[in-house]
Amino acid sequence: MGSSPIPGTNQSQVQWRPYVEFLQNVLIFFYIAVAGFLVYLVLSQEPKQGAGDMFGGSTDLFSTRGVTGGLYRITVVLGILFVVLAFSFRFFPR
């Protein structure tokens, strides 16, 4: 077995290290982009009108239509992607 330049690792771990670091940097960039776009979408949505909505008087949470409904769906998908990316960082070494 050959000696590794990094103590506590073997040669195969050192061989993959640049690829893992590159993938980690790409995921961090993608994570920041998703976070920024998520903030933009949340701020660009118009609030629902009516006092009944404030106290849960809405008949259906998913009954949005038109452009607002599309923005709502994209926001939900980006929110889920944001959480998945946040949990994926635990698999990378520091």
Protein backbone atom coordinates (compact mmCIF):
# COMPACT_ATOMS: atom_id res chain seq x y z
CA MET A 1 0.00 0.00 0.00
CA GLY A 2 1.46 3.38 -0.99
CA SER A 3 1.78 6.29 1.33
CA SER A 4 -0.81 9.04 1.06
CA PRO A 5 0.10 12.74 1.17
CA ILE A 6 -2.82 13.32 3.57
CA PRO A 7 -2.59 11.44 6.89
CA GLY A 8 -5.52 9.16 7.63
CA THR A 9 -6.58 8.68 4.00
CA ASN A 10 -5.71 6.09 1.40
CA GLN A 11 -4.74 6.66 -2.23
CA SER A 12 -8.27 6.15 -3.63
CA GLN A 13 -9.68 8.86 -1.34
CA VAL A 14 -6.99 11.30 -2.47
CA GLN A 15 -7.69 10.45 -6.11
CA TRP A 16 -11.38 11.41 -5.83
CA ARG A 17 -10.85 14.48 -3.66
CA PRO A 18 -10.74 17.09 -6.50
CA TYR A 19 -13.97 15.75 -8.00
CA VAL A 20 -15.75 15.79 -4.65
CA GLU A 21 -14.58 19.35 -3.99
CA PHE A 22 -15.79 20.43 -7.44
CA LEU A 23 -19.18 18.80 -6.90
CA GLN A 24 -19.45 20.43 -3.49
CA ASN A 25 -18.69 23.86 -4.98
CA VAL A 26 -21.29 23.35 -7.71
CA LEU A 27 -23.90 22.34 -5.12
CA ILE A 28 -23.10 25.38 -2.97
CA PHE A 29 -23.49 27.66 -5.98
CA PHE A 30 -26.76 25.96 -6.94
CA TYR A 31 -27.97 26.20 -3.32
CA ILE A 32 -27.31 29.95 -3.21
CA ALA A 33 -29.01 30.42 -6.59
CA VAL A 34 -32.10 28.50 -5.41
CA ALA A 35 -32.19 30.53 -2.19
CA GLY A 36 -31.98 33.82 -4.08
CA PHE A 37 -34.65 32.83 -6.59
CA LEU A 38 -36.86 31.57 -3.76
CA VAL A 39 -36.61 34.93 -1.98
CA TYR A 40 -37.42 36.72 -5.24
CA LEU A 41 -40.50 34.56 -5.88
CA VAL A 42 -41.84 34.96 -2.35
CA LEU A 43 -41.46 38.73 -2.48
CA SER A 44 -43.01 39.00 -5.95
CA GLN A 45 -46.22 37.21 -5.00
CA GLU A 46 -49.26 39.24 -4.11
CA PRO A 47 -50.91 38.47 -0.77
CA LYS A 48 -54.43 37.07 -0.80
CA GLN A 49 -57.11 39.67 -0.12
CA GLY A 50 -59.85 39.45 2.47
CA ALA A 51 -60.02 39.24 6.22
CA GLY A 52 -61.33 35.67 6.11
CA ASP A 53 -58.03 34.43 4.72
CA MET A 54 -56.20 35.89 7.68
CA PHE A 55 -58.04 33.60 10.09
CA GLY A 56 -58.07 30.46 7.94
CA GLY A 57 -61.32 31.19 6.15
CA SER A 58 -59.97 30.15 2.77
CA THR A 59 -61.87 27.26 1.21
CA ASP A 60 -58.86 25.57 -0.42
CA LEU A 61 -55.17 26.21 0.03
CA PHE A 62 -54.29 24.99 -3.47
CA SER A 63 -57.07 26.77 -5.37
CA THR A 64 -54.87 29.48 -6.89
CA ARG A 65 -55.25 30.20 -10.58
CA GLY A 66 -53.36 31.95 -13.34
CA VAL A 67 -49.92 33.48 -12.93
CA THR A 68 -50.19 33.53 -9.16
CA GLY A 69 -50.87 29.79 -9.14
CA GLY A 70 -47.82 29.16 -11.31
CA LEU A 71 -45.62 31.26 -9.02
CA TYR A 72 -47.04 29.40 -6.03
CA ARG A 73 -46.21 26.01 -7.52
CA ILE A 74 -42.70 27.09 -8.51
CA THR A 75 -42.18 28.44 -4.99
CA VAL A 76 -43.24 25.11 -3.45
CA VAL A 77 -40.91 23.15 -5.76
CA LEU A 78 -37.99 25.48 -5.04
CA GLY A 79 -38.69 25.25 -1.31
CA ILE A 80 -38.53 21.46 -1.46
CA LEU A 81 -35.34 21.64 -3.56
CA PHE A 82 -33.84 24.05 -1.02
CA VAL A 83 -34.47 21.62 1.84
CA VAL A 84 -33.13 18.64 -0.14
CA LEU A 85 -29.95 20.55 -1.01
CA ALA A 86 -29.53 21.64 2.61
CA PHE A 87 -29.69 18.03 3.80
CA SER A 88 -27.36 16.86 1.00
CA PHE A 89 -24.47 18.89 2.41
CA ARG A 90 -24.16 16.51 5.33
CA PHE A 91 -22.76 13.84 3.00
CA PHE A 92 -19.71 15.91 2.08
CA PRO A 93 -16.57 16.02 4.19
CA ARG A 94 -15.53 19.37 5.58
